[in-house]
């Protein structure tokens, strides 16, 4: 699977200010991009997990919660969870 590199140009003073705050600029840019793409429903949670390098959905859920972003949960998701719960009880 290939990788696409994206270059982001920042004014030096802003980059220095953010870096001085202990910010990993590359990671912060990636996370910001990922959050906005997820909010716009351009990425699924599975794609978000891969993009951010997380091993589990739980890590993705914690990341979203930390940033005040709600999970996309459809009626189909609810039905799937309901059926899984019914099968578990039997």
PDB file of N, CA and C in Angstrom:
ATOM      1  N   UNK A   1       0.849  -1.170   0.000  1.00  0.00           N
ATOM      2  CA  UNK A   1       0.000   0.000   0.000  1.00  0.00           C
ATOM      3  C   UNK A   1       0.894   1.232   0.000  1.00  0.00           C
ATOM      4  N   UNK A   2       0.626   2.148  -0.884  1.00  0.00           N
ATOM      5  CA  UNK A   2       1.445   3.348  -1.007  1.00  0.00           C
ATOM      6  C   UNK A   2       1.102   4.404   0.032  1.00  0.00           C
ATOM      7  N   UNK A   3       1.949   5.413   0.058  1.00  0.00           N
ATOM      8  CA  UNK A   3       1.786   6.532   0.986  1.00  0.00           C
ATOM      9  C   UNK A   3       1.902   7.819   0.188  1.00  0.00           C
ATOM     10  N   UNK A   4       1.078   8.792   0.518  1.00  0.00           N
ATOM     11  CA  UNK A   4       1.132  10.107  -0.105  1.00  0.00           C
ATOM     12  C   UNK A   4       1.671  11.088   0.925  1.00  0.00           C
ATOM     13  N   UNK A   5       2.679  11.847   0.552  1.00  0.00           N
ATOM     14  CA  UNK A   5       3.237  12.871   1.435  1.00  0.00           C
ATOM     15  C   UNK A   5       2.596  14.207   1.104  1.00  0.00           C
ATOM     16  N   UNK A   6       2.247  14.939   2.140  1.00  0.00           N
ATOM     17  CA  UNK A   6       1.672  16.273   1.991  1.00  0.00           C
ATOM     18  C   UNK A   6       2.577  17.244   2.731  1.00  0.00           C
ATOM     19  N   UNK A   7       2.914  18.340   2.079  1.00  0.00           N
ATOM     20  CA  UNK A   7       3.767  19.349   2.696  1.00  0.00           C
ATOM     21  C   UNK A   7       2.899  20.517   3.140  1.00  0.00           C
ATOM     22  N   UNK A   8       3.141  20.983   4.344  1.00  0.00           N
ATOM     23  CA  UNK A   8       2.407  22.106   4.903  1.00  0.00           C
ATOM     24  C   UNK A   8       3.401  23.209   5.224  1.00  0.00           C
ATOM     25  N   UNK A   9       3.148  24.385   4.716  1.00  0.00           N
ATOM     26  CA  UNK A   9       4.038  25.503   4.982  1.00  0.00           C
ATOM     27  C   UNK A   9       3.427  26.405   6.052  1.00  0.00           C
ATOM     28  N   UNK A  10       4.223  26.692   7.088  1.00  0.00           N
ATOM     29  CA  UNK A  10       3.809  27.571   8.184  1.00  0.00           C
ATOM     30  C   UNK A  10       4.810  28.699   8.311  1.00  0.00           C
ATOM     31  N   UNK A  11       4.350  29.870   8.678  1.00  0.00           N
ATOM     32  CA  UNK A  11       5.314  30.926   8.992  1.00  0.00           C
ATOM     33  C   UNK A  11       6.216  30.455  10.138  1.00  0.00           C
ATOM     34  N   UNK A  12       7.490  30.780  10.062  1.00  0.00           N
ATOM     35  CA  UNK A  12       8.453  30.297  11.046  1.00  0.00           C
ATOM     36  C   UNK A  12       8.071  30.661  12.473  1.00  0.00           C
ATOM     37  N   UNK A  13       7.575  31.885  12.686  1.00  0.00           N
ATOM     38  CA  UNK A  13       7.245  32.297  14.049  1.00  0.00           C
ATOM     39  C   UNK A  13       6.098  31.481  14.625  1.00  0.00           C
ATOM     40  N   UNK A  14       5.123  31.153  13.801  1.00  0.00           N
ATOM     41  CA  UNK A  14       3.999  30.336  14.280  1.00  0.00           C
ATOM     42  C   UNK A  14       4.458  28.910  14.547  1.00  0.00           C
ATOM     43  N   UNK A  15       5.246  28.352  13.651  1.00  0.00           N
ATOM     44  CA  UNK A  15       5.771  27.000  13.851  1.00  0.00           C
ATOM     45  C   UNK A  15       6.622  26.943  15.119  1.00  0.00           C
ATOM     46  N   UNK A  16       7.462  27.951  15.330  1.00  0.00           N
ATOM     47  CA  UNK A  16       8.306  27.987  16.528  1.00  0.00           C
ATOM     48  C   UNK A  16       7.457  28.092  17.785  1.00  0.00           C
ATOM     49  N   UNK A  17       6.413  28.912  17.739  1.00  0.00           N
ATOM     50  CA  UNK A  17       5.525  29.065  18.900  1.00  0.00           C
ATOM     51  C   UNK A  17       4.840  27.746  19.247  1.00  0.00           C
ATOM     52  N   UNK A  18       4.308  27.066  18.233  1.00  0.00           N
ATOM     53  CA  UNK A  18       3.636  25.790  18.469  1.00  0.00           C
ATOM     54  C   UNK A  18       4.617  24.726  18.958  1.00  0.00           C
ATOM     55  N   UNK A  19       5.788  24.679  18.355  1.00  0.00           N
ATOM     56  CA  UNK A  19       6.802  23.702  18.761  1.00  0.00           C
ATOM     57  C   UNK A  19       7.263  23.965  20.189  1.00  0.00           C
ATOM     58  N   UNK A  20       7.340  25.246  20.573  1.00  0.00           N
ATOM     59  CA  UNK A  20       7.758  25.597  21.934  1.00  0.00           C
ATOM     60  C   UNK A  20       6.730  25.129  22.960  1.00  0.00           C
ATOM     61  N   UNK A  21       5.490  24.962  22.531  1.00  0.00           N
ATOM     62  CA  UNK A  21       4.427  24.482  23.418  1.00  0.00           C
ATOM     63  C   UNK A  21       4.471  22.958  23.557  1.00  0.00           C
ATOM     64  N   UNK A  22       5.478  22.342  22.953  1.00  0.00           N
ATOM     65  CA  UNK A  22       5.618  20.886  23.019  1.00  0.00           C
ATOM     66  C   UNK A  22       4.797  20.164  21.969  1.00  0.00           C
ATOM     67  N   UNK A  23       4.298  20.897  21.008  1.00  0.00           N
ATOM     68  CA  UNK A  23       3.449  20.338  19.958  1.00  0.00           C
ATOM     69  C   UNK A  23       4.299  19.599  18.928  1.00  0.00           C
ATOM     70  N   UNK A  24       3.932  18.360  18.630  1.00  0.00           N
ATOM     71  CA  UNK A  24       4.520  17.635  17.506  1.00  0.00           C
ATOM     72  C   UNK A  24       3.734  18.097  16.290  1.00  0.00           C
ATOM     73  N   UNK A  25       4.315  18.986  15.506  1.00  0.00           N
ATOM     74  CA  UNK A  25       3.566  19.644  14.435  1.00  0.00           C
ATOM     75  C   UNK A  25       3.043  18.666  13.390  1.00  0.00           C
ATOM     76  N   UNK A  26       3.825  17.681  13.039  1.00  0.00           N
ATOM     77  CA  UNK A  26       3.377  16.707  12.039  1.00  0.00           C
ATOM     78  C   UNK A  26       2.170  15.931  12.556  1.00  0.00           C
ATOM     79  N   UNK A  27       2.250  15.479  13.795  1.00  0.00           N
ATOM     80  CA  UNK A  27       1.142  14.705  14.378  1.00  0.00           C
ATOM     81  C   UNK A  27      -0.095  15.581  14.561  1.00  0.00           C
ATOM     82  N   UNK A  28       0.104  16.816  15.020  1.00  0.00           N
ATOM     83  CA  UNK A  28      -1.023  17.728  15.215  1.00  0.00           C
ATOM     84  C   UNK A  28      -1.734  18.004  13.892  1.00  0.00           C
ATOM     85  N   UNK A  29      -0.977  18.184  12.819  1.00  0.00           N
ATOM     86  CA  UNK A  29      -1.570  18.426  11.507  1.00  0.00           C
ATOM     87  C   UNK A  29      -2.344  17.198  11.033  1.00  0.00           C
ATOM     88  N   UNK A  30      -1.759  16.025  11.217  1.00  0.00           N
ATOM     89  CA  UNK A  30      -2.425  14.788  10.821  1.00  0.00           C
ATOM     90  C   UNK A  30      -3.724  14.600  11.590  1.00  0.00           C
ATOM     91  N   UNK A  31      -3.677  14.810  12.912  1.00  0.00           N
ATOM     92  CA  UNK A  31      -4.867  14.630  13.735  1.00  0.00           C
ATOM     93  C   UNK A  31      -5.949  15.648  13.374  1.00  0.00           C
ATOM     94  N   UNK A  32      -5.561  16.883  13.142  1.00  0.00           N
ATOM     95  CA  UNK A  32      -6.532  17.899  12.752  1.00  0.00           C
ATOM     96  C   UNK A  32      -7.193  17.560  11.423  1.00  0.00           C
ATOM     97  N   UNK A  33      -6.383  17.132  10.467  1.00  0.00           N
ATOM     98  CA  UNK A  33      -6.899  16.708   9.160  1.00  0.00           C
ATOM     99  C   UNK A  33      -7.867  15.541   9.329  1.00  0.00           C
ATOM    100  N   UNK A  34      -7.460  14.550  10.131  1.00  0.00           N
ATOM    101  CA  UNK A  34      -8.281  13.357  10.337  1.00  0.00           C
ATOM    102  C   UNK A  34      -9.606  13.710  11.020  1.00  0.00           C
ATOM    103  N   UNK A  35      -9.560  14.561  12.041  1.00  0.00           N
ATOM    104  CA  UNK A  35     -10.783  14.955  12.743  1.00  0.00           C
ATOM    105  C   UNK A  35     -11.767  15.646  11.808  1.00  0.00           C
ATOM    106  N   UNK A  36     -11.274  16.576  11.015  1.00  0.00           N
ATOM    107  CA  UNK A  36     -12.160  17.302  10.109  1.00  0.00           C
ATOM    108  C   UNK A  36     -12.735  16.381   9.035  1.00  0.00           C
ATOM    109  N   UNK A  37     -11.933  15.465   8.526  1.00  0.00           N
ATOM    110  CA  UNK A  37     -12.428  14.511   7.527  1.00  0.00           C
ATOM    111  C   UNK A  37     -13.481  13.599   8.141  1.00  0.00           C
ATOM    112  N   UNK A  38     -13.299  13.192   9.390  1.00  0.00           N
ATOM    113  CA  UNK A  38     -14.286  12.348  10.063  1.00  0.00           C
ATOM    114  C   UNK A  38     -15.572  13.131  10.325  1.00  0.00           C
ATOM    115  N   UNK A  39     -15.430  14.367  10.814  1.00  0.00           N
ATOM    116  CA  UNK A  39     -16.615  15.204  11.066  1.00  0.00           C
ATOM    117  C   UNK A  39     -17.442  15.397   9.792  1.00  0.00           C
ATOM    118  N   UNK A  40     -16.759  15.550   8.663  1.00  0.00           N
ATOM    119  CA  UNK A  40     -17.425  15.752   7.377  1.00  0.00           C
ATOM    120  C   UNK A  40     -17.904  14.433   6.769  1.00  0.00           C
ATOM    121  N   UNK A  41     -17.736  13.347   7.504  1.00  0.00           N
ATOM    122  CA  UNK A  41     -18.113  12.000   7.084  1.00  0.00           C
ATOM    123  C   UNK A  41     -17.412  11.572   5.795  1.00  0.00           C
ATOM    124  N   UNK A  42     -16.156  12.009   5.664  1.00  0.00           N
ATOM    125  CA  UNK A  42     -15.324  11.597   4.534  1.00  0.00           C
ATOM    126  C   UNK A  42     -14.467  10.390   4.893  1.00  0.00           C
ATOM    127  N   UNK A  43     -14.357  10.098   6.192  1.00  0.00           N
ATOM    128  CA  UNK A  43     -13.624   8.933   6.683  1.00  0.00           C
ATOM    129  C   UNK A  43     -14.509   8.129   7.621  1.00  0.00           C
ATOM    130  N   UNK A  44     -14.367   6.824   7.573  1.00  0.00           N
ATOM    131  CA  UNK A  44     -15.030   5.944   8.532  1.00  0.00           C
ATOM    132  C   UNK A  44     -14.136   5.811   9.765  1.00  0.00           C
ATOM    133  N   UNK A  45     -14.664   5.207  10.814  1.00  0.00           N
ATOM    134  CA  UNK A  45     -13.820   4.981  11.993  1.00  0.00           C
ATOM    135  C   UNK A  45     -12.682   4.020  11.665  1.00  0.00           C
ATOM    136  N   UNK A  46     -12.932   3.064  10.783  1.00  0.00           N
ATOM    137  CA  UNK A  46     -11.873   2.126  10.390  1.00  0.00           C
ATOM    138  C   UNK A  46     -10.761   2.860   9.639  1.00  0.00           C
ATOM    139  N   UNK A  47     -11.134   3.766   8.750  1.00  0.00           N
ATOM    140  CA  UNK A  47     -10.131   4.546   8.029  1.00  0.00           C
ATOM    141  C   UNK A  47      -9.386   5.485   8.978  1.00  0.00           C
ATOM    142  N   UNK A  48     -10.113   6.060   9.920  1.00  0.00           N
ATOM    143  CA  UNK A  48      -9.496   6.935  10.913  1.00  0.00           C
ATOM    144  C   UNK A  48      -8.473   6.154  11.745  1.00  0.00           C
ATOM    145  N   UNK A  49      -8.822   4.942  12.121  1.00  0.00           N
ATOM    146  CA  UNK A  49      -7.908   4.082  12.896  1.00  0.00           C
ATOM    147  C   UNK A  49      -6.628   3.832  12.113  1.00  0.00           C
ATOM    148  N   UNK A  50      -6.752   3.487  10.845  1.00  0.00           N
ATOM    149  CA  UNK A  50      -5.567   3.240  10.008  1.00  0.00           C
ATOM    150  C   UNK A  50      -4.732   4.497   9.827  1.00  0.00           C
ATOM    151  N   UNK A  51      -5.394   5.609   9.556  1.00  0.00           N
ATOM    152  CA  UNK A  51      -4.692   6.861   9.314  1.00  0.00           C
ATOM    153  C   UNK A  51      -3.875   7.299  10.519  1.00  0.00           C
ATOM    154  N   UNK A  52      -4.439   7.117  11.708  1.00  0.00           N
ATOM    155  CA  UNK A  52      -3.762   7.556  12.929  1.00  0.00           C
ATOM    156  C   UNK A  52      -2.846   6.486  13.518  1.00  0.00           C
ATOM    157  N   UNK A  53      -2.868   5.288  12.943  1.00  0.00           N
ATOM    158  CA  UNK A  53      -1.980   4.226  13.406  1.00  0.00           C
ATOM    159  C   UNK A  53      -2.411   3.567  14.701  1.00  0.00           C
ATOM    160  N   UNK A  54      -3.716   3.584  14.978  1.00  0.00           N
ATOM    161  CA  UNK A  54      -4.224   2.945  16.189  1.00  0.00           C
ATOM    162  C   UNK A  54      -4.465   1.467  15.935  1.00  0.00           C
ATOM    163  N   UNK A  55      -4.354   0.666  16.998  1.00  0.00           N
ATOM    164  CA  UNK A  55      -4.559  -0.771  16.881  1.00  0.00           C
ATOM    165  C   UNK A  55      -6.012  -1.184  17.076  1.00  0.00           C
ATOM    166  N   UNK A  56      -6.772  -0.376  17.839  1.00  0.00           N
ATOM    167  CA  UNK A  56      -8.135  -0.781  18.180  1.00  0.00           C
ATOM    168  C   UNK A  56      -9.138   0.344  17.949  1.00  0.00           C
ATOM    169  N   UNK A  57     -10.405  -0.059  17.832  1.00  0.00           N
ATOM    170  CA  UNK A  57     -11.489   0.919  17.734  1.00  0.00           C
ATOM    171  C   UNK A  57     -11.610   1.718  19.022  1.00  0.00           C
ATOM    172  N   UNK A  58     -11.294   1.082  20.142  1.00  0.00           N
ATOM    173  CA  UNK A  58     -11.374   1.766  21.427  1.00  0.00           C
ATOM    174  C   UNK A  58     -10.451   2.977  21.455  1.00  0.00           C
ATOM    175  N   UNK A  59      -9.273   2.853  20.872  1.00  0.00           N
ATOM    176  CA  UNK A  59      -8.350   3.990  20.798  1.00  0.00           C
ATOM    177  C   UNK A  59      -8.942   5.117  19.960  1.00  0.00           C
ATOM    178  N   UNK A  60      -9.605   4.748  18.860  1.00  0.00           N
ATOM    179  CA  UNK A  60     -10.245   5.750  18.011  1.00  0.00           C
ATOM    180  C   UNK A  60     -11.363   6.441  18.777  1.00  0.00           C
ATOM    181  N   UNK A  61     -12.176   5.663  19.483  1.00  0.00           N
ATOM    182  CA  UNK A  61     -13.278   6.241  20.251  1.00  0.00           C
ATOM    183  C   UNK A  61     -12.748   7.199  21.313  1.00  0.00           C
ATOM    184  N   UNK A  62     -11.674   6.821  21.977  1.00  0.00           N
ATOM    185  CA  UNK A  62     -11.074   7.697  22.994  1.00  0.00           C
ATOM    186  C   UNK A  62     -10.535   8.975  22.359  1.00  0.00           C
ATOM    187  N   UNK A  63      -9.900   8.865  21.205  1.00  0.00           N
ATOM    188  CA  UNK A  63      -9.384  10.028  20.475  1.00  0.00           C
ATOM    189  C   UNK A  63     -10.527  10.982  20.123  1.00  0.00           C
ATOM    190  N   UNK A  64     -11.610  10.440  19.586  1.00  0.00           N
ATOM    191  CA  UNK A  64     -12.753  11.276  19.227  1.00  0.00           C
ATOM    192  C   UNK A  64     -13.357  11.945  20.454  1.00  0.00           C
ATOM    193  N   UNK A  65     -13.510  11.183  21.524  1.00  0.00           N
ATOM    194  CA  UNK A  65     -14.074  11.732  22.756  1.00  0.00           C
ATOM    195  C   UNK A  65     -13.199  12.859  23.297  1.00  0.00           C
ATOM    196  N   UNK A  66     -11.894  12.648  23.278  1.00  0.00           N
ATOM    197  CA  UNK A  66     -10.944  13.652  23.759  1.00  0.00           C
ATOM    198  C   UNK A  66     -11.079  14.968  22.993  1.00  0.00           C
ATOM    199  N   UNK A  67     -11.477  14.881  21.737  1.00  0.00           N
ATOM    200  CA  UNK A  67     -11.613  16.066  20.892  1.00  0.00           C
ATOM    201  C   UNK A  67     -13.064  16.517  20.727  1.00  0.00           C
ATOM    202  N   UNK A  68     -13.966  15.942  21.514  1.00  0.00           N
ATOM    203  CA  UNK A  68     -15.361  16.364  21.491  1.00  0.00           C
ATOM    204  C   UNK A  68     -16.103  16.035  20.213  1.00  0.00           C
ATOM    205  N   UNK A  69     -15.710  14.949  19.568  1.00  0.00           N
ATOM    206  CA  UNK A  69     -16.344  14.540  18.313  1.00  0.00           C
ATOM    207  C   UNK A  69     -17.141  13.268  18.586  1.00  0.00           C
ATOM    208  N   UNK A  70     -18.387  13.272  18.162  1.00  0.00           N
ATOM    209  CA  UNK A  70     -19.263  12.122  18.385  1.00  0.00           C
ATOM    210  C   UNK A  70     -19.098  11.091  17.278  1.00  0.00           C
ATOM    211  N   UNK A  71     -19.291   9.826  17.652  1.00  0.00           N
ATOM    212  CA  UNK A  71     -19.256   8.741  16.685  1.00  0.00           C
ATOM    213  C   UNK A  71     -20.415   8.874  15.712  1.00  0.00           C
ATOM    214  N   UNK A  72     -20.185   8.509  14.456  1.00  0.00           N
ATOM    215  CA  UNK A  72     -21.274   8.409  13.491  1.00  0.00           C
ATOM    216  C   UNK A  72     -21.958   7.073  13.767  1.00  0.00           C
ATOM    217  N   UNK A  73     -23.198   7.117  14.154  1.00  0.00           N
ATOM    218  CA  UNK A  73     -23.927   5.905  14.523  1.00  0.00           C
ATOM    219  C   UNK A  73     -25.259   5.936  13.802  1.00  0.00           C
ATOM    220  N   UNK A  74     -25.397   5.068  12.825  1.00  0.00           N
ATOM    221  CA  UNK A  74     -26.581   5.067  11.980  1.00  0.00           C
ATOM    222  C   UNK A  74     -27.642   4.108  12.506  1.00  0.00           C
ATOM    223  N   UNK A  75     -28.810   4.182  11.901  1.00  0.00           N
ATOM    224  CA  UNK A  75     -29.887   3.244  12.223  1.00  0.00           C
ATOM    225  C   UNK A  75     -29.440   1.814  11.925  1.00  0.00           C
ATOM    226  N   UNK A  76     -28.673   1.626  10.845  1.00  0.00           N
ATOM    227  CA  UNK A  76     -28.143   0.292  10.520  1.00  0.00           C
ATOM    228  C   UNK A  76     -27.201  -0.206  11.615  1.00  0.00           C
ATOM    229  N   UNK A  77     -26.368   0.693  12.156  1.00  0.00           N
ATOM    230  CA  UNK A  77     -25.477   0.318  13.256  1.00  0.00           C
ATOM    231  C   UNK A  77     -26.292  -0.143  14.461  1.00  0.00           C
ATOM    232  N   UNK A  78     -27.350   0.595  14.768  1.00  0.00           N
ATOM    233  CA  UNK A  78     -28.212   0.243  15.897  1.00  0.00           C
ATOM    234  C   UNK A  78     -28.835  -1.132  15.695  1.00  0.00           C
ATOM    235  N   UNK A  79     -29.336  -1.371  14.494  1.00  0.00           N
ATOM    236  CA  UNK A  79     -29.951  -2.663  14.200  1.00  0.00           C
ATOM    237  C   UNK A  79     -28.937  -3.797  14.311  1.00  0.00           C
ATOM    238  N   UNK A  80     -27.733  -3.580  13.796  1.00  0.00           N
ATOM    239  CA  UNK A  80     -26.680  -4.589  13.896  1.00  0.00           C
ATOM    240  C   UNK A  80     -26.361  -4.887  15.360  1.00  0.00           C
ATOM    241  N   UNK A  81     -26.214  -3.857  16.166  1.00  0.00           N
ATOM    242  CA  UNK A  81     -25.910  -4.030  17.589  1.00  0.00           C
ATOM    243  C   UNK A  81     -27.050  -4.728  18.324  1.00  0.00           C
ATOM    244  N   UNK A  82     -28.286  -4.386  17.951  1.00  0.00           N
ATOM    245  CA  UNK A  82     -29.452  -5.027  18.569  1.00  0.00           C
ATOM    246  C   UNK A  82     -29.467  -6.533  18.252  1.00  0.00           C
ATOM    247  N   UNK A  83     -29.217  -6.873  16.990  1.00  0.00           N
ATOM    248  CA  UNK A  83     -29.190  -8.284  16.605  1.00  0.00           C
ATOM    249  C   UNK A  83     -28.048  -9.033  17.286  1.00  0.00           C
ATOM    250  N   UNK A  84     -26.895  -8.393  17.394  1.00  0.00           N
ATOM    251  CA  UNK A  84     -25.756  -9.022  18.072  1.00  0.00           C
ATOM    252  C   UNK A  84     -26.087  -9.248  19.549  1.00  0.00           C
ATOM    253  N   UNK A  85     -26.758  -8.296  20.169  1.00  0.00           N
ATOM    254  CA  UNK A  85     -27.160  -8.446  21.557  1.00  0.00           C
ATOM    255  C   UNK A  85     -28.172  -9.559  21.741  1.00  0.00           C
ATOM    256  N   UNK A  86     -29.136  -9.649  20.820  1.00  0.00           N
ATOM    257  CA  UNK A  86     -30.121 -10.721  20.874  1.00  0.00           C
ATOM    258  C   UNK A  86     -29.453 -12.084  20.731  1.00  0.00           C
ATOM    259  N   UNK A  87     -28.497 -12.212  19.812  1.00  0.00           N
ATOM    260  CA  UNK A  87     -27.803 -13.481  19.596  1.00  0.00           C
ATOM    261  C   UNK A  87     -26.971 -13.848  20.822  1.00  0.00           C
ATOM    262  N   UNK A  88     -26.405 -12.843  21.470  1.00  0.00           N
ATOM    263  CA  UNK A  88     -25.589 -13.092  22.662  1.00  0.00           C
ATOM    264  C   UNK A  88     -26.432 -13.619  23.811  1.00  0.00           C
ATOM    265  N   UNK A  89     -27.641 -13.071  23.965  1.00  0.00           N
ATOM    266  CA  UNK A  89     -28.524 -13.493  25.055  1.00  0.00           C
ATOM    267  C   UNK A  89     -29.050 -14.915  24.859  1.00  0.00           C
ATOM    268  N   UNK A  90     -29.097 -15.383  23.622  1.00  0.00           N
ATOM    269  CA  UNK A  90     -29.631 -16.729  23.355  1.00  0.00           C
ATOM    270  C   UNK A  90     -28.559 -17.713  23.540  1.00  0.00           C
TER     271      UNK A  90
END
